[in-house]
Protein backbone atom coordinates (compact mmCIF):
# COMPACT_ATOMS: atom_id res chain seq x y z
CA MET A 1 15.45 -5.94 21.94
CA SER A 2 12.04 -4.86 20.65
CA LYS A 3 8.91 -6.89 20.17
CA ILE A 4 7.02 -6.01 16.96
CA THR A 5 3.27 -6.46 16.80
CA LEU A 6 1.31 -5.70 13.64
CA HIS A 7 -2.42 -4.93 14.01
CA TYR A 8 -3.59 -6.35 10.77
CA LEU A 9 -6.93 -5.65 9.07
CA ASP A 10 -7.95 -8.22 6.50
CA LYS A 11 -8.00 -7.14 2.86
CA SER A 12 -6.13 -3.93 3.50
CA ARG A 13 -2.87 -2.13 2.84
CA ALA A 14 -1.49 -3.78 5.97
CA PHE A 15 -0.32 -6.65 3.72
CA ARG A 16 2.56 -4.45 2.52
CA VAL A 17 3.87 -4.23 6.09
CA LEU A 18 3.73 -8.04 6.42
CA TRP A 19 5.81 -8.25 3.22
CA LEU A 20 8.30 -5.69 4.48
CA LEU A 21 8.79 -7.58 7.78
CA GLU A 22 9.13 -10.89 5.97
CA HIS A 23 11.70 -9.58 3.48
CA LEU A 24 13.84 -8.20 6.33
CA GLY A 25 13.51 -11.46 8.20
CA LEU A 26 12.19 -9.80 11.33
CA GLU A 27 10.22 -11.56 14.03
CA TYR A 28 6.79 -10.21 14.58
CA ASN A 29 3.43 -11.01 16.05
CA VAL A 30 0.03 -10.35 14.33
CA VAL A 31 -3.17 -9.26 15.92
CA PRO A 32 -5.85 -9.79 13.22
CA TYR A 33 -9.01 -7.73 12.72
CA VAL A 34 -12.02 -8.56 10.53
CA ARG A 35 -13.96 -5.80 8.70
CA GLU A 36 -17.45 -4.92 9.87
CA ASN A 37 -19.67 -3.58 7.11
CA ASN A 38 -16.51 -3.13 5.03
CA ARG A 39 -14.97 -0.89 7.74
CA ALA A 40 -12.33 -1.43 10.36
CA PRO A 41 -13.87 -2.59 13.69
CA GLU A 42 -14.18 -0.15 16.55
CA GLU A 43 -11.74 -2.21 18.70
CA LEU A 44 -8.84 -0.85 16.62
CA LYS A 45 -9.50 2.52 18.19
CA LYS A 46 -8.26 0.99 21.43
CA ILE A 47 -4.81 0.93 19.84
CA HIS A 48 -4.94 4.28 18.06
CA PRO A 49 -7.79 6.83 18.17
CA LEU A 50 -8.22 6.77 14.34
CA GLY A 51 -8.80 3.08 14.32
CA ARG A 52 -7.05 2.47 11.01
CA SER A 53 -4.75 -0.35 9.95
CA PRO A 54 -1.84 -0.92 9.61
CA ILE A 55 -0.64 -0.13 13.07
CA LEU A 56 2.72 -1.23 14.46
CA GLU A 57 3.16 -1.63 18.17
CA ILE A 58 6.82 -1.62 19.15
CA LYS A 59 7.63 -2.69 22.66
CA ASP A 60 11.05 -2.20 24.19
CA GLU A 61 11.52 -5.34 26.24
CA GLN A 62 14.20 -3.73 28.42
CA THR A 63 12.27 -0.60 29.40
CA GLY A 64 8.75 -1.88 28.89
CA LYS A 65 7.83 1.21 26.89
CA THR A 66 5.60 0.86 23.92
CA LYS A 67 5.57 2.93 20.73
CA ILE A 68 2.59 3.09 18.37
CA VAL A 69 3.49 3.69 14.76
CA THR A 70 0.77 4.47 12.13
CA GLU A 71 0.45 5.49 8.48
CA SER A 72 1.92 3.15 5.90
CA GLY A 73 4.68 5.49 4.64
CA TYR A 74 5.85 6.29 8.18
CA ILE A 75 5.75 2.68 9.22
CA PHE A 76 8.04 1.84 6.30
CA GLN A 77 10.32 4.78 7.21
CA TYR A 78 10.52 3.72 10.83
CA ILE A 79 11.26 0.04 10.06
CA LEU A 80 13.90 0.98 7.49
CA GLU A 81 15.63 3.41 9.86
CA ASN A 82 15.62 1.17 12.84
CA TYR A 83 15.78 -2.45 11.50
CA ASP A 84 17.38 -2.32 8.05
CA GLN A 85 20.99 -1.81 9.13
CA GLU A 86 22.24 -3.78 6.07
CA LYS A 87 20.31 -1.46 3.70
CA ILE A 88 18.56 -4.38 2.10
CA LEU A 89 15.44 -2.38 1.18
CA SER A 90 16.50 1.21 1.89
CA LEU A 91 19.62 0.80 -0.35
CA LYS A 92 23.23 1.70 0.29
CA ASP A 93 23.74 4.43 -2.30
CA PRO A 94 22.80 7.75 -0.77
CA GLU A 95 20.96 9.05 -3.87
CA GLN A 96 19.09 5.81 -4.29
CA ALA A 97 18.20 5.79 -0.54
CA GLU A 98 16.80 9.28 -0.97
CA GLN A 99 14.73 8.14 -3.96
CA VAL A 100 13.30 5.30 -1.91
CA GLN A 101 12.27 7.88 0.72
CA TYR A 102 10.64 9.92 -1.99
CA TYR A 103 8.46 6.99 -3.08
CA LEU A 104 7.46 6.31 0.53
CA HIS A 105 5.77 9.67 0.55
CA TYR A 106 4.70 9.64 -3.12
CA ALA A 107 2.72 6.43 -2.85
CA GLU A 108 0.30 7.73 -0.18
CA GLY A 109 0.49 11.47 -1.04
CA SER A 110 0.16 11.57 -4.85
CA LEU A 111 -0.81 8.13 -6.19
CA GLN A 112 -3.33 6.91 -3.65
CA PRO A 113 -5.74 9.92 -3.51
CA PRO A 114 -7.09 9.88 -7.15
CA LEU A 115 -7.30 6.09 -6.99
CA LEU A 116 -9.38 6.36 -3.79
CA MET A 117 -11.63 8.94 -5.40
CA GLU A 118 -12.20 6.66 -8.38
CA TYR A 119 -13.01 3.83 -6.04
CA VAL A 120 -15.53 5.93 -4.11
CA TYR A 121 -17.16 7.10 -7.33
CA SER A 122 -17.46 3.52 -8.59
CA LEU A 123 -19.15 2.41 -5.35
CA ALA A 124 -21.54 5.34 -5.50
CA ALA A 125 -22.34 4.70 -9.17
CA GLN A 126 -23.20 1.05 -8.35
CA SER A 127 -25.51 1.95 -5.51
CA PRO A 128 -29.13 1.08 -6.22
CA GLY A 129 -31.60 3.95 -6.54
CA PRO A 130 -34.79 4.96 -8.31
CA PHE A 131 -34.68 6.12 -11.90
CA PRO A 132 -33.99 8.89 -12.95
CA LEU A 133 -32.11 9.78 -9.76
CA SER A 134 -29.66 6.96 -10.20
CA TYR A 135 -29.02 8.04 -13.79
CA LEU A 136 -28.42 11.68 -12.76
CA VAL A 137 -26.09 10.64 -9.94
CA ARG A 138 -24.00 8.53 -12.23
CA GLY A 139 -23.84 11.38 -14.71
CA VAL A 140 -22.56 13.82 -12.09
CA LEU A 141 -20.01 11.37 -10.75
CA ASP A 142 -18.78 10.70 -14.27
CA LYS A 143 -18.33 14.42 -14.88
CA ILE A 144 -16.39 14.86 -11.56
CA SER A 145 -14.21 11.80 -12.37
CA GLY A 146 -13.53 13.04 -15.85
CA ALA A 147 -12.65 16.53 -14.61
CA TYR A 148 -10.03 15.34 -12.14
CA SER A 149 -9.46 11.86 -10.78
CA ARG A 150 -9.69 9.80 -13.98
CA GLY A 151 -7.24 11.91 -15.75
CA GLU A 152 -4.97 12.20 -12.71
CA VAL A 153 -4.88 8.34 -12.35
CA LYS A 154 -3.66 8.21 -15.90
CA ASN A 155 -1.11 10.92 -15.29
CA GLN A 156 0.32 9.14 -12.24
CA ILE A 157 0.50 5.73 -13.86
CA ASP A 158 2.00 7.13 -17.07
CA TYR A 159 4.72 8.65 -14.87
CA LEU A 160 5.36 5.39 -13.07
CA GLU A 161 5.49 3.47 -16.38
CA THR A 162 8.30 5.84 -17.49
CA GLU A 163 10.12 5.57 -14.20
CA VAL A 164 10.17 1.72 -14.08
CA SER A 165 11.15 1.52 -17.75
CA LYS A 166 14.27 3.59 -17.18
CA ASN A 167 15.33 1.92 -13.90
CA GLU A 168 15.89 -1.64 -15.18
CA GLY A 169 12.59 -3.05 -14.14
CA TYR A 170 12.39 -1.55 -10.64
CA PHE A 171 11.63 1.89 -9.31
CA VAL A 172 15.00 2.67 -7.85
CA GLY A 173 18.51 1.72 -8.95
CA GLY A 174 17.56 -1.39 -10.91
CA GLN A 175 17.00 -3.40 -7.72
CA PHE A 176 14.20 -4.41 -5.42
CA SER A 177 13.53 -1.90 -2.62
CA ALA A 178 10.95 -0.79 -0.09
CA ALA A 179 9.61 1.54 -2.81
CA ASP A 180 8.53 -1.51 -4.86
CA ILE A 181 6.63 -3.00 -1.93
CA LEU A 182 4.83 0.23 -1.08
CA LEU A 183 3.85 0.91 -4.66
CA SER A 184 2.58 -2.59 -5.28
CA PHE A 185 -0.84 -2.22 -3.67
CA PRO A 186 -2.08 0.93 -5.44
CA LEU A 187 -0.92 -0.33 -8.84
CA GLN A 188 -2.42 -3.78 -8.33
CA MET A 189 -5.68 -2.19 -7.34
CA ALA A 190 -5.70 0.18 -10.26
CA PHE A 191 -5.56 -2.81 -12.69
CA LEU A 192 -7.88 -5.01 -10.66
CA ARG A 193 -10.65 -2.34 -10.43
CA GLY A 194 -10.29 -1.28 -14.04
CA PHE A 195 -8.97 2.22 -13.40
CA ALA A 196 -6.11 1.37 -15.77
CA GLN A 197 -5.45 -1.51 -18.14
CA ALA A 198 -2.31 -3.60 -17.66
CA LYS A 199 -1.91 -4.00 -21.43
CA ASP A 200 -1.30 -0.27 -21.69
CA TYR A 201 1.52 -0.41 -19.19
CA PRO A 202 3.83 -3.33 -20.17
CA HIS A 203 6.73 -2.22 -17.92
CA ILE A 204 4.57 -2.01 -14.81
CA LYS A 205 2.88 -5.31 -15.71
CA LYS A 206 6.36 -6.99 -15.97
CA TRP A 207 7.46 -5.30 -12.77
CA LEU A 208 4.41 -6.62 -10.87
CA GLU A 209 5.15 -10.12 -12.13
CA SER A 210 8.76 -9.74 -11.04
CA ILE A 211 8.21 -8.49 -7.52
CA THR A 212 5.38 -10.88 -6.72
CA SER A 213 7.82 -13.73 -7.52
CA GLU A 214 9.96 -12.73 -4.53
CA LYS A 215 10.13 -15.42 -1.81
CA SER A 216 9.14 -12.81 0.80
CA TYR A 217 5.95 -12.07 -1.15
CA SER A 218 4.99 -15.74 -0.99
CA ALA A 219 5.87 -15.89 2.70
CA ALA A 220 3.71 -12.78 3.36
CA LYS A 221 0.81 -14.26 1.38
CA ASP A 222 1.00 -17.46 3.44
CA SER A 223 1.03 -15.44 6.60
CA ALA A 224 -1.85 -13.19 5.54
CA ALA A 225 -3.94 -16.24 4.56
CA GLN A 226 -4.32 -17.09 8.26
CA TYR A 227 -5.96 -13.73 8.96
CA GLU A 228 -8.10 -13.15 5.84
CA SER A 229 -11.88 -13.76 6.30
């Protein structure tokens, strides 16, 4: 038997791990952390040197050995390989299971970077500063965004709109999978922060409405509410 502990930072991508654990019906403990100046607190570095959340701590209660698992995609992969024996979220069909694995890497490797760049640019553009310096900075940021990240965000979300439209409302095999959970956060944030408009992506909009109606999503939201500041 293993004891699962999630080191959970408020208002972060760690929510997806809560959702994953809830959907698989796994028992887990949560150690909550509150942001300091919008950053993870230094105490998280006691668990892993990078001090980033989510972090899973897996303790083998027979041997007493503890394994630290980091990075969202790898956390999902580890949980699916070790705890999803019934293939509830990793899917039973080999080709579909492989596609789920693809999205675990795609979400953090291709989709997240341009979204993060746009977020950083938006924060920088909103920072107060004397005129005309602030005007010049916003102009430079807008050019950088236009040259790469803004167009790349559209490219990525256009691709996902096509994928969900041809897979019966989900990303893999017409059924709910770990891919849907992992892709939820970046797409929600893209719409929330105005990097894309939901009205332009009706299939993704409908998909988000569908997956957030899952009972496990509500359970994860209830659990997360205890730890959000």
